[in-house]
Amino acid sequence: MWNRRLLVNGIPRRLDDLTRDIVLNWLIERSDKWPGTANARVIISRASACTTRPVSATYLRELLNPSGTTLDRIRMDRQLEEAIVHGPDPLHLQRLFGMCDHTAMRYARNATRFIDYSGSDHD
């Protein structure tokens, strides 16, 4: 399961089954819409399909806005999930996400608290 990776900014990221399925379905849809695009990025738009540039931050915000999701929330959720699932190792988080020491330690502490809370008898 964890041998699947997506390259983001030159850093390989692990994909869980749900994310893998979503990405694969999107790539099929993308190929149907823009079969001849030279843009190798996962997310493209009508405008970026004709180039090799990424979509704009504005495009992503508008795409996510109906659900109330923000790019920052997605990023933070992904980082915390990584720390919970693969252990609260700040060095791993730094290497994977390019975090500074302080931020990696904060995510590791929060993951540890979550793991301790989930494993305790708090009912």
Foldseek 3Di string as FASTA:
>chain_A
DQVDWDQDPNFTDTDDPVRVVVLVVQVVVVCVVQVPFPQPDSDDDPVCSNDNDHDDLVVVCVVCVVVPDHPVNVVLVVLLVCCQPVHLDLVVSCRRPVDDSVVSNVSSVVSVVVNVVVPDPPD
